[in-house]
Amino acid sequence: MPNWNDVLRELQQFEINNARRLDIVRRGHLENLFRYTNRNVIVYYSGYMSKPAVPQSDINDEDKNGFMMAVHRMNRSLGLDLILHTPGGSIAATQSIVHYLHWMFKDNIRAIIPQQAMSAGTMMACSCKEILLAKHSNLGPIDPHLRGIPAYGIIQEFKRACREVKKDRSITPIWQAIIQQYRPSFLSQCEQAIKWSNSFVENELVDNMLQGVPDARTKAKKIVKALSNYRDNKAHERHLHFEECKKLGLKVGLIEDDPNLQDLILTVHHCFMHVLMNTPAYKMIENHMGITLVKNAAQQ
């Protein structure tokens, strides 16, 4: 299996500029993946790991343009393999992108996670008929955040304040100082964000991954409860690996079960990571035909 260094040596064989050889090698491996699976491929990669300070590296409405461009001229009867590497992002944008992809490919969409898809990336993966993970790959909790603050945490904190003040009025000033930091209607926004994200994932699971499964609604609710359980998950950054995802009831498969597929997927992954680490690119949406949208960070 070509590893990081193998891909680097392949890149170094080309006596041309860095960006051009990155394109040639990456697109060649993407085409190889398509030829092996005979399924359309769209890769959605964020450079949030190597460029954490760059804004807009999360899932947002602008991404829809990249997906529209990638889908154009595809033979949609072949279905779609959606390769994801993202920290998450906007629930609204995620829902809209998922809605669009289902219009294009119906329920024939498979998510592939070579490393990680967190938060709204997990939501996107849960909207597919199946999720392929590697032994090192992970999903993440789906509890929504508002302005970087966990919505569940705010609600739990408010309930705690009510309990403690009821028991001991003398601590009211302490909690007042904390609660006064909440903007008007912030608690309601937190509650609505939780309902929105939970209902979205639940419905996507019922309509796609659990389609035709007995007690699909009950099983979907159980999965959503586990993925959104702020108290059990401890942190939004928690990594949920294959065994735990399977235990939750998600339909997951191991990339390693097919060594040829593993080879192709991880080589594509290394190619994209080389680009994100060695160029100004911080987001890429690309298909197996070489149609690409690249967002570059401004260089000082």
Foldseek 3Di string as FASTA:
>chain_A
DQALVNLVVQLVVDPDDNVVSLLVSLLVLQLVLCVVLVAWEKEWAFLCVQCVPDPPSAQDQVCLVLVVLALPPDPLQRAYEYEYDHQHDDPVSLLVSLVVSCVRNPQRYAYEYAAEQEASRVLNRLLHQEYEYAQRHFYFANQDDDPNHGLVVVVVLVVVLVVVCVVPVVCVVVVCVVVVVQDPCNNVVSVVSLVSSLVSSLVSNCRHNCPPPPPSSVLSNQLNCVRNVCVVQVDSPRTHGDVNCVVSPGRYDYCVVDVVSSVSVNSSVSSVNCPSNPFQWRIWIAISVSRIDTDGDDDD
